[in-house]
Protein backbone atom coordinates (compact mmCIF):
# COMPACT_ATOMS: atom_id res chain seq x y z
CA UNK A 1 -27.41 22.35 9.20
CA UNK A 2 -25.91 24.27 12.12
CA UNK A 3 -23.08 26.77 11.80
CA UNK A 4 -20.54 24.52 13.51
CA UNK A 5 -21.44 21.55 11.29
CA UNK A 6 -21.32 23.68 8.16
CA UNK A 7 -17.88 25.07 9.06
CA UNK A 8 -16.60 21.55 9.74
CA UNK A 9 -17.81 20.36 6.36
CA UNK A 10 -16.21 23.34 4.69
CA UNK A 11 -12.95 22.57 6.48
CA UNK A 12 -13.02 18.94 5.37
CA UNK A 13 -13.85 19.99 1.81
CA UNK A 14 -10.90 22.38 1.79
CA UNK A 15 -8.59 19.67 3.13
CA UNK A 16 -9.69 17.27 0.38
CA UNK A 17 -9.11 19.89 -2.30
CA UNK A 18 -5.61 20.50 -0.91
CA UNK A 19 -4.90 16.76 -0.97
CA UNK A 20 -6.18 16.61 -4.55
CA UNK A 21 -3.72 19.32 -5.53
CA UNK A 22 -0.89 17.69 -3.57
CA UNK A 23 -1.58 14.35 -5.23
CA UNK A 24 -1.29 15.88 -8.68
CA UNK A 25 2.00 17.56 -7.79
CA UNK A 26 3.53 14.55 -6.03
CA UNK A 27 2.55 12.20 -8.85
CA UNK A 28 4.23 14.52 -11.34
CA UNK A 29 7.30 15.58 -9.36
CA UNK A 30 7.80 13.27 -6.39
CA UNK A 31 8.54 14.31 -2.83
CA UNK A 32 12.02 15.72 -3.37
CA UNK A 33 11.18 18.06 -6.24
CA UNK A 34 7.67 19.13 -5.24
CA UNK A 35 7.25 22.29 -3.17
CA UNK A 36 4.49 23.80 -1.09
CA UNK A 37 4.44 26.64 -3.63
CA UNK A 38 3.60 24.09 -6.36
CA UNK A 39 0.80 22.64 -4.28
CA UNK A 40 -0.59 26.06 -3.37
CA UNK A 41 -0.62 27.03 -7.04
CA UNK A 42 -2.54 23.89 -8.01
CA UNK A 43 -4.93 24.35 -5.09
CA UNK A 44 -5.36 28.04 -6.00
CA UNK A 45 -4.61 29.03 -2.42
CA UNK A 46 -2.01 31.12 -0.67
CA UNK A 47 0.85 29.00 0.62
CA UNK A 48 0.13 30.22 4.13
CA UNK A 49 -3.34 28.71 3.90
CA UNK A 50 -1.84 25.26 3.33
CA UNK A 51 -0.02 25.47 6.65
CA UNK A 52 -3.33 26.06 8.42
CA UNK A 53 -4.26 22.50 7.44
CA UNK A 54 -0.93 20.67 7.09
CA UNK A 55 2.27 21.44 8.95
CA UNK A 56 4.69 20.35 6.24
CA UNK A 57 5.10 19.02 2.73
CA UNK A 58 5.80 15.62 4.27
CA UNK A 59 2.48 15.69 6.14
CA UNK A 60 0.73 16.28 2.85
CA UNK A 61 2.71 13.48 1.27
CA UNK A 62 1.46 11.09 3.93
CA UNK A 63 -2.10 12.33 3.44
CA UNK A 64 -1.89 11.39 -0.24
CA UNK A 65 -0.11 8.12 0.50
CA UNK A 66 -2.88 7.12 2.91
CA UNK A 67 -5.34 7.37 0.03
CA UNK A 68 -3.35 4.58 -1.59
CA UNK A 69 -3.36 2.52 1.61
CA UNK A 70 -7.12 2.94 1.97
CA UNK A 71 -7.59 1.95 -1.68
CA UNK A 72 -5.48 -1.20 -1.22
CA UNK A 73 -7.29 -2.07 1.99
CA UNK A 74 -10.60 -1.79 0.15
CA UNK A 75 -9.34 -4.14 -2.56
CA UNK A 76 -8.26 -6.63 0.12
CA UNK A 77 -11.63 -6.36 1.86
CA UNK A 78 -13.40 -7.17 -1.40
CA UNK A 79 -11.39 -10.39 -1.68
CA UNK A 80 -12.05 -11.41 1.93
CA UNK A 81 -15.76 -10.68 1.51
CA UNK A 82 -15.95 -13.41 -1.14
CA UNK A 83 -15.52 -16.04 1.62
CA UNK A 84 -13.14 -18.17 -0.39
CA UNK A 85 -11.16 -20.92 1.32
CA UNK A 86 -8.21 -19.64 3.29
CA UNK A 87 -5.68 -20.87 0.74
CA UNK A 88 -7.54 -19.28 -2.16
CA UNK A 89 -7.98 -16.06 -0.19
CA UNK A 90 -4.22 -15.81 0.36
CA UNK A 91 -3.55 -16.47 -3.31
CA UNK A 92 -6.13 -13.84 -4.29
CA UNK A 93 -4.64 -11.31 -1.87
CA UNK A 94 -1.19 -11.68 -3.41
CA UNK A 95 -2.71 -11.28 -6.88
CA UNK A 96 -4.61 -8.24 -5.68
CA UNK A 97 -1.42 -6.58 -4.47
CA UNK A 98 0.09 -7.16 -7.93
CA UNK A 99 -3.03 -5.69 -9.54
CA UNK A 100 -2.78 -2.66 -7.28
CA UNK A 101 0.82 -2.19 -8.38
CA UNK A 102 -0.14 -2.47 -12.05
CA UNK A 103 -3.08 -0.06 -11.93
CA UNK A 104 -2.06 2.38 -9.19
CA UNK A 105 1.68 2.68 -9.75
CA UNK A 106 1.95 6.22 -8.38
CA UNK A 107 0.45 5.25 -5.03
CA UNK A 108 2.74 2.22 -4.86
CA UNK A 109 5.78 4.44 -5.37
CA UNK A 110 4.70 6.61 -2.47
CA UNK A 111 4.73 3.66 -0.08
CA UNK A 112 8.51 3.77 -0.08
CA UNK A 113 8.54 7.02 1.86
CA UNK A 114 9.41 4.91 4.89
CA UNK A 115 12.65 3.83 3.22
CA UNK A 116 13.93 7.40 3.65
CA UNK A 117 14.08 8.05 7.42
CA UNK A 118 15.56 11.51 6.90
CA UNK A 119 12.12 12.71 5.80
CA UNK A 120 10.38 11.39 8.92
CA UNK A 121 11.66 14.27 11.04
CA UNK A 122 9.44 16.64 9.07
CA UNK A 123 6.26 14.64 9.73
CA UNK A 124 3.98 15.63 12.58
CA UNK A 125 3.19 13.08 15.27
CA UNK A 126 -0.49 13.35 14.39
CA UNK A 127 0.05 12.39 10.74
CA UNK A 128 2.48 9.61 11.57
CA UNK A 129 0.01 8.14 14.06
CA UNK A 130 -2.79 8.29 11.48
CA UNK A 131 -0.57 6.58 8.92
CA UNK A 132 0.45 3.89 11.42
CA UNK A 133 -3.21 3.15 12.11
CA UNK A 134 -3.87 2.91 8.39
CA UNK A 135 -0.98 0.49 7.94
CA UNK A 136 -2.03 -1.61 10.91
CA UNK A 137 -5.60 -1.96 9.64
CA UNK A 138 -4.26 -3.14 6.28
CA UNK A 139 -1.86 -5.67 7.74
CA UNK A 140 -4.42 -6.96 10.25
CA UNK A 141 -6.58 -8.12 7.34
CA UNK A 142 -3.79 -10.38 6.12
CA UNK A 143 -2.78 -11.63 9.57
CA UNK A 144 -6.42 -12.45 10.27
CA UNK A 145 -6.55 -14.71 7.21
CA UNK A 146 -3.28 -16.36 8.24
CA UNK A 147 -4.58 -16.97 11.78
CA UNK A 148 -7.60 -18.70 10.27
CA UNK A 149 -5.29 -20.77 8.09
CA UNK A 150 -3.29 -21.88 11.13
CA UNK A 151 -6.49 -22.98 12.87
CA UNK A 152 -7.56 -24.92 9.78
CA UNK A 153 -4.23 -26.69 9.43
CA UNK A 154 -3.31 -24.90 6.20
CA UNK A 155 -0.60 -22.57 7.59
CA UNK A 156 2.42 -23.75 9.61
CA UNK A 157 1.75 -23.03 13.28
CA UNK A 158 5.41 -22.39 14.17
CA UNK A 159 5.38 -19.25 11.98
CA UNK A 160 4.03 -15.95 13.28
CA UNK A 161 1.40 -14.43 10.96
CA UNK A 162 2.88 -10.94 11.21
CA UNK A 163 6.30 -12.23 10.18
CA UNK A 164 4.74 -14.09 7.24
CA UNK A 165 3.07 -10.85 6.13
CA UNK A 166 6.35 -8.95 6.39
CA UNK A 167 8.15 -11.57 4.27
CA UNK A 168 5.43 -11.67 1.61
CA UNK A 169 5.05 -7.88 1.48
CA UNK A 170 8.78 -7.16 1.43
CA UNK A 171 9.58 -9.73 -1.24
CA UNK A 172 6.75 -8.63 -3.52
CA UNK A 173 7.51 -4.93 -3.00
CA UNK A 174 11.19 -5.44 -3.76
CA UNK A 175 10.45 -7.14 -7.07
CA UNK A 176 7.80 -4.55 -7.93
CA UNK A 177 10.33 -1.77 -7.38
CA UNK A 178 12.72 -3.59 -9.71
CA UNK A 179 9.97 -4.00 -12.32
CA UNK A 180 9.16 -0.32 -12.02
CA UNK A 181 12.73 0.88 -12.48
CA UNK A 182 14.52 -1.86 -14.43
CA UNK A 183 11.92 -4.18 -15.92
CA UNK A 184 12.88 -3.45 -19.49
CA UNK A 185 16.60 -3.74 -18.71
CA UNK A 186 16.14 -7.23 -17.26
CA UNK A 187 14.11 -8.21 -20.31
CA UNK A 188 16.73 -6.96 -22.75
CA UNK A 189 19.95 -7.93 -20.97
CA UNK A 190 18.94 -11.14 -19.20
CA UNK A 191 15.81 -12.17 -21.13
CA UNK A 192 14.00 -12.28 -17.81
CA UNK A 193 10.36 -11.25 -17.47
CA UNK A 194 10.23 -9.85 -13.95
CA UNK A 195 6.42 -9.86 -13.97
CA UNK A 196 6.58 -13.63 -14.36
CA UNK A 197 9.31 -13.79 -11.73
CA UNK A 198 7.01 -11.94 -9.34
CA UNK A 199 4.23 -14.47 -9.85
CA UNK A 200 6.65 -17.36 -9.34
CA UNK A 201 8.06 -15.75 -6.19
CA UNK A 202 4.60 -15.24 -4.71
CA UNK A 203 3.69 -18.90 -5.26
CA UNK A 204 6.97 -20.19 -3.84
CA UNK A 205 6.65 -18.06 -0.72
CA UNK A 206 3.04 -19.06 -0.17
CA UNK A 207 4.03 -22.73 -0.46
CA UNK A 208 6.84 -22.20 2.04
CA UNK A 209 4.45 -21.10 4.82
CA UNK A 210 1.82 -23.77 4.18
CA UNK A 211 1.34 -27.27 5.53
CA UNK A 212 1.16 -30.21 3.14
CA UNK A 213 -2.64 -29.81 3.05
CA UNK A 214 -2.29 -26.15 2.19
CA UNK A 215 0.28 -26.86 -0.51
CA UNK A 216 -1.98 -29.47 -2.07
CA UNK A 217 -4.90 -27.05 -2.25
CA UNK A 218 -2.70 -24.28 -3.66
CA UNK A 219 -1.36 -26.65 -6.32
CA UNK A 220 -4.91 -27.57 -7.30
CA UNK A 221 -5.76 -23.88 -7.62
CA UNK A 222 -2.79 -23.33 -9.90
CA UNK A 223 -3.67 -26.26 -12.21
């Protein structure tokens, strides 16, 4: 191994160890409360060293959040690799997003960074571009399945795949946030199981974007 290659590997290893430390801190404290001092302490590095690799706390937050996006993308890719029918693939993808929420709750919470535009000013253009690419690769998986469904006569052709993805993602995310923060309250005060509500919502929305043939197949899958 040459000197340049060795130094590059050492740099990447250091970056990963910093992200590991940042992940621990952000999972425990969140973006608002966490500090670069906290992350430096967990990484066992001087705070100044962190800034050699990441320009801000928000850049590090995105670096951790992208781990969650990559994990979710991998889960989606596993579903698509099964070569199910288009309708079943869409149903499995919605279930996979729910499973991600259930098992990787801390990553899911980080996705809502984009709901707080005041933090975006602290993010470098480089990190925002990397995050945008990560998001686009994730969403393109879903739009690709929807495009196939349109060609097969299972998805309504007057609807744009990207808009369908936005509706499905936003609706599911909104209910997941409510489950995360008020699930027990809804159960106690309204006797409503929001987890069940989420499943019902996903099915209703899938039906709404499908043709009669798609709806029939989805109904058969649910029976």
